[in-house]
């Protein structure tokens, strides 16, 4: 029997596997799942805990692969969908984590934002720091913030919204969201940093999706390029004709 092409969690959620090799699984993370410590019990949408439970329960997707360890190498916000890299061993976790820390992991996002940029391409280097007024929120802080850099490219505009490619160099919390807000282009559906006059964010499709990861595999020295489907995301935001 062939290995399943997706992960099945205990609640029946199925998550597509985008890439697999000896060291990693890359999945298409769905919206609403949080990447928080395994022991964090304040939500029933803890993706790490759900993965561990599924493996422990002997679900066929894991059993057929002999998986006993699986841990996310990096983070995506709860509402952000797309490519998420999972390590199959502690050694792979540490080694691949170093690629993110040393900025040798190429990341590409698609964002849908309110408004239109003044230029077709630009770079934002606004420094970011935790917002002392609200736990879990970040802010632009030129003095105390850590360096952050994101390259943006306008892909298309429609009905007062823009489809934008984002390539973050650093990996600060909420970096793409804040850098677009700093560029006066808040992401559609962003309840934390979006437009206060926009429709309720929870009722809107969140306009941020991780669509590519690329890196040199530190074990095989081969180039790895992982992509997530874009069609449904583009269609939900009215850009279904982009690229055709």
Protein backbone atom coordinates (compact mmCIF):
# COMPACT_ATOMS: atom_id res chain seq x y z
CA UNK A 1 0.00 0.00 0.00
CA UNK A 2 1.48 3.40 -0.96
CA UNK A 3 2.19 6.01 1.67
CA UNK A 4 -0.63 8.56 2.07
CA UNK A 5 -0.04 11.92 0.41
CA UNK A 6 -1.45 13.78 3.38
CA UNK A 7 -1.40 13.83 7.18
CA UNK A 8 -4.55 12.90 9.08
CA UNK A 9 -5.01 14.48 12.50
CA UNK A 10 -7.20 13.15 15.28
CA UNK A 11 -10.09 15.48 14.46
CA UNK A 12 -10.16 14.32 10.84
CA UNK A 13 -8.22 17.28 9.46
CA UNK A 14 -6.15 16.30 6.42
CA UNK A 15 -3.01 18.28 5.59
CA UNK A 16 -1.33 17.87 2.20
CA UNK A 17 2.31 16.80 2.14
CA UNK A 18 4.18 18.99 -0.37
CA UNK A 19 7.66 17.46 -0.13
CA UNK A 20 9.39 14.62 1.65
CA UNK A 21 12.94 13.36 1.95
CA UNK A 22 14.97 11.52 4.59
CA UNK A 23 15.22 14.61 6.79
CA UNK A 24 11.95 16.53 6.40
CA UNK A 25 8.30 16.66 5.58
CA UNK A 26 6.95 19.89 4.15
CA UNK A 27 3.20 20.40 4.56
CA UNK A 28 0.59 22.87 3.37
CA UNK A 29 -0.39 24.34 6.74
CA UNK A 30 -4.10 25.21 6.93
CA UNK A 31 -5.49 28.35 8.50
CA UNK A 32 -6.23 28.45 12.21
CA UNK A 33 -3.55 26.07 13.50
CA UNK A 34 -1.08 27.54 15.98
CA UNK A 35 2.62 26.71 16.26
CA UNK A 36 3.08 26.91 20.01
CA UNK A 37 4.87 24.67 22.55
CA UNK A 38 3.53 21.12 22.77
CA UNK A 39 2.44 21.60 26.39
CA UNK A 40 0.49 24.82 25.70
CA UNK A 41 -3.12 23.91 26.48
CA UNK A 42 -4.89 27.24 25.84
CA UNK A 43 -6.09 26.08 22.42
CA UNK A 44 -7.30 22.89 20.78
CA UNK A 45 -5.60 24.04 17.58
CA UNK A 46 -2.03 23.35 18.67
CA UNK A 47 -0.54 21.84 15.52
CA UNK A 48 2.54 20.37 17.21
CA UNK A 49 0.41 18.65 19.84
CA UNK A 50 -1.97 17.34 17.17
CA UNK A 51 0.91 15.90 15.15
CA UNK A 52 2.39 14.15 18.18
CA UNK A 53 -1.01 12.73 19.10
CA UNK A 54 -1.53 11.41 15.58
CA UNK A 55 1.91 9.77 15.54
CA UNK A 56 1.37 8.25 19.01
CA UNK A 57 -2.01 6.91 17.91
CA UNK A 58 -0.30 5.04 15.08
CA UNK A 59 -2.08 6.79 12.22
CA UNK A 60 -1.12 5.12 8.94
CA UNK A 61 0.46 8.25 7.39
CA UNK A 62 3.10 8.18 10.16
CA UNK A 63 3.34 4.41 10.65
CA UNK A 64 3.94 3.81 6.94
CA UNK A 65 6.92 6.17 7.09
CA UNK A 66 8.33 4.96 10.39
CA UNK A 67 7.97 8.48 11.83
CA UNK A 68 8.48 8.78 15.57
CA UNK A 69 9.70 12.39 15.71
CA UNK A 70 8.28 15.38 13.84
CA UNK A 71 8.83 19.00 14.81
CA UNK A 72 8.26 22.30 13.03
CA UNK A 73 11.54 23.97 12.06
CA UNK A 74 10.10 27.48 11.77
CA UNK A 75 6.80 29.22 12.44
CA UNK A 76 3.87 30.56 10.48
CA UNK A 77 1.21 32.73 12.09
CA UNK A 78 -2.03 30.92 12.94
CA UNK A 79 -3.92 32.53 10.06
CA UNK A 80 -1.10 32.16 7.53
CA UNK A 81 -1.30 29.13 5.26
CA UNK A 82 1.31 27.42 3.09
CA UNK A 83 4.71 25.77 3.20
CA UNK A 84 5.76 24.61 6.66
CA UNK A 85 8.92 22.57 7.14
CA UNK A 86 8.89 19.70 9.67
CA UNK A 87 12.04 17.87 10.77
CA UNK A 88 12.06 14.09 11.19
CA UNK A 89 14.85 14.03 13.77
CA UNK A 90 16.45 16.22 16.41
CA UNK A 91 19.59 16.49 14.30
CA UNK A 92 17.62 17.64 11.27
CA UNK A 93 15.72 20.12 13.44
CA UNK A 94 18.91 21.76 14.69
CA UNK A 95 20.70 21.73 11.32
CA UNK A 96 17.77 23.08 9.30
CA UNK A 97 17.02 25.61 12.02
CA UNK A 98 20.52 26.98 11.46
CA UNK A 99 19.58 27.69 7.82
CA UNK A 100 16.79 29.98 8.98
CA UNK A 101 18.97 31.62 11.61
CA UNK A 102 21.80 32.25 9.13
CA UNK A 103 19.39 33.54 6.44
CA UNK A 104 20.22 30.76 3.99
CA UNK A 105 16.56 29.78 3.64
CA UNK A 106 14.78 31.54 0.77
CA UNK A 107 11.15 32.32 1.58
CA UNK A 108 8.44 33.63 -0.73
CA UNK A 109 4.96 34.73 0.31
CA UNK A 110 1.94 35.99 -1.58
CA UNK A 111 0.07 38.81 0.11
CA UNK A 112 -3.20 40.53 -0.72
CA UNK A 113 -3.32 44.03 0.72
CA UNK A 114 -5.65 47.00 0.83
CA UNK A 115 -4.46 49.85 -1.40
CA UNK A 116 -1.84 50.16 -4.10
CA UNK A 117 1.90 50.78 -3.64
CA UNK A 118 3.57 53.90 -4.97
CA UNK A 119 6.28 51.83 -6.68
CA UNK A 120 6.29 48.41 -8.39
CA UNK A 121 9.11 47.13 -6.15
CA UNK A 122 10.50 48.28 -2.82
CA UNK A 123 12.30 47.14 0.33
CA UNK A 124 11.17 47.76 3.89
CA UNK A 125 13.76 47.75 6.68
CA UNK A 126 11.63 48.97 9.58
CA UNK A 127 12.98 47.58 12.85
CA UNK A 128 10.55 45.47 14.89
CA UNK A 129 10.03 44.90 18.61
CA UNK A 130 7.33 43.48 20.92
CA UNK A 131 4.56 45.94 21.69
CA UNK A 132 4.63 46.46 25.50
CA UNK A 133 0.94 47.39 25.46
CA UNK A 134 -0.33 44.04 24.16
CA UNK A 135 1.06 40.52 24.51
CA UNK A 136 1.55 38.82 21.16
CA UNK A 137 1.61 42.03 19.18
CA UNK A 138 4.68 43.55 17.52
CA UNK A 139 5.37 47.11 16.44
CA UNK A 140 7.77 49.19 14.40
CA UNK A 141 10.40 50.53 16.83
CA UNK A 142 13.30 52.42 15.28
CA UNK A 143 15.21 52.61 18.56
CA UNK A 144 14.69 49.30 20.39
CA UNK A 145 13.60 47.09 17.50
CA UNK A 146 15.65 44.34 15.86
CA UNK A 147 16.72 44.70 12.27
CA UNK A 148 14.26 43.32 9.72
CA UNK A 149 14.25 43.35 5.93
CA UNK A 150 11.61 42.38 3.37
CA UNK A 151 11.66 42.80 -0.41
CA UNK A 152 8.30 43.44 -2.07
CA UNK A 153 7.12 43.27 -5.67
CA UNK A 154 3.72 44.30 -7.00
CA UNK A 155 2.18 41.54 -9.11
CA UNK A 156 -1.33 42.85 -9.85
CA UNK A 157 -4.04 45.25 -8.66
CA UNK A 158 -7.79 44.88 -8.65
CA UNK A 159 -10.69 46.74 -7.01
CA UNK A 160 -8.48 48.69 -4.62
CA UNK A 161 -6.41 45.69 -3.58
CA UNK A 162 -2.90 44.60 -4.51
CA UNK A 163 -1.37 41.18 -5.01
CA UNK A 164 2.19 41.40 -3.72
CA UNK A 165 5.15 39.04 -3.62
CA UNK A 166 7.09 39.25 -0.35
CA UNK A 167 10.60 37.90 0.18
CA UNK A 168 11.63 38.32 3.82
CA UNK A 169 15.38 38.23 4.45
CA UNK A 170 15.06 38.11 8.23
CA UNK A 171 12.42 36.15 10.13
CA UNK A 172 10.96 38.44 12.78
CA UNK A 173 7.55 37.73 14.24
CA UNK A 174 4.77 39.18 12.04
CA UNK A 175 7.45 40.72 9.81
CA UNK A 176 5.63 40.65 6.46
CA UNK A 177 2.39 41.86 8.03
CA UNK A 178 4.05 44.78 9.81
CA UNK A 179 6.24 45.77 6.89
CA UNK A 180 3.19 45.94 4.63
CA UNK A 181 1.29 47.94 7.23
CA UNK A 182 4.30 50.28 7.49
CA UNK A 183 4.07 50.64 3.70
CA UNK A 184 0.39 51.65 4.11
CA UNK A 185 -0.71 48.34 2.59
CA UNK A 186 -2.36 46.36 5.41
CA UNK A 187 -3.10 42.73 4.65
CA UNK A 188 -6.70 41.81 3.93
CA UNK A 189 -8.30 40.01 6.87
CA UNK A 190 -5.56 40.99 9.35
CA UNK A 191 -7.36 41.56 12.63
CA UNK A 192 -4.20 42.59 14.50
CA UNK A 193 -2.61 45.07 12.09
CA UNK A 194 -5.28 45.61 9.43
CA UNK A 195 -7.57 48.49 8.61
CA UNK A 196 -10.00 49.34 11.44
CA UNK A 197 -12.72 50.16 8.89
CA UNK A 198 -12.34 46.86 7.02
CA UNK A 199 -14.90 44.03 7.41
CA UNK A 200 -14.40 41.76 10.41
CA UNK A 201 -11.07 40.03 9.84
CA UNK A 202 -12.29 36.68 11.11
CA UNK A 203 -14.95 36.64 8.42
CA UNK A 204 -12.50 37.46 5.62
CA UNK A 205 -9.97 35.23 3.91
CA UNK A 206 -6.58 36.05 5.38
CA UNK A 207 -4.40 37.52 2.66
CA UNK A 208 -1.04 35.90 3.37
CA UNK A 209 0.26 32.56 2.08
CA UNK A 210 3.75 31.02 2.18
CA UNK A 211 4.22 29.68 -1.33
CA UNK A 212 7.92 28.77 -1.61
CA UNK A 213 10.90 27.57 0.40
CA UNK A 214 14.29 26.96 -1.20
CA UNK A 215 17.59 25.91 0.33
CA UNK A 216 20.70 23.84 -0.09
CA UNK A 217 20.16 20.55 1.72
CA UNK A 218 22.93 20.41 4.36
CA UNK A 219 22.95 16.58 4.25
CA UNK A 220 22.84 15.84 0.51
CA UNK A 221 24.11 19.23 -0.76
CA UNK A 222 21.29 19.22 -3.31
CA UNK A 223 19.05 22.17 -4.05
CA UNK A 224 15.57 21.80 -2.52
CA UNK A 225 12.71 23.91 -3.86
CA UNK A 226 9.28 23.44 -2.27
CA UNK A 227 6.13 25.13 -3.58
CA UNK A 228 2.54 25.31 -2.38
CA UNK A 229 -0.48 25.59 -4.70
CA UNK A 230 -1.56 29.17 -5.37
CA UNK A 231 -4.74 28.79 -7.40
CA UNK A 232 -7.28 28.62 -4.55
CA UNK A 233 -5.65 31.52 -2.70
CA UNK A 234 -5.68 33.69 -5.82
CA UNK A 235 -9.29 32.79 -6.59
CA UNK A 236 -10.51 33.61 -3.08
CA UNK A 237 -9.07 37.10 -3.37
CA UNK A 238 -10.24 37.82 -6.91
CA UNK A 239 -6.91 37.30 -8.68
CA UNK A 240 -7.75 34.00 -10.36
CA UNK A 241 -6.62 35.35 -13.75
CA UNK A 242 -3.14 36.30 -12.52
CA UNK A 243 -0.41 34.50 -14.45
CA UNK A 244 -2.74 33.13 -17.13
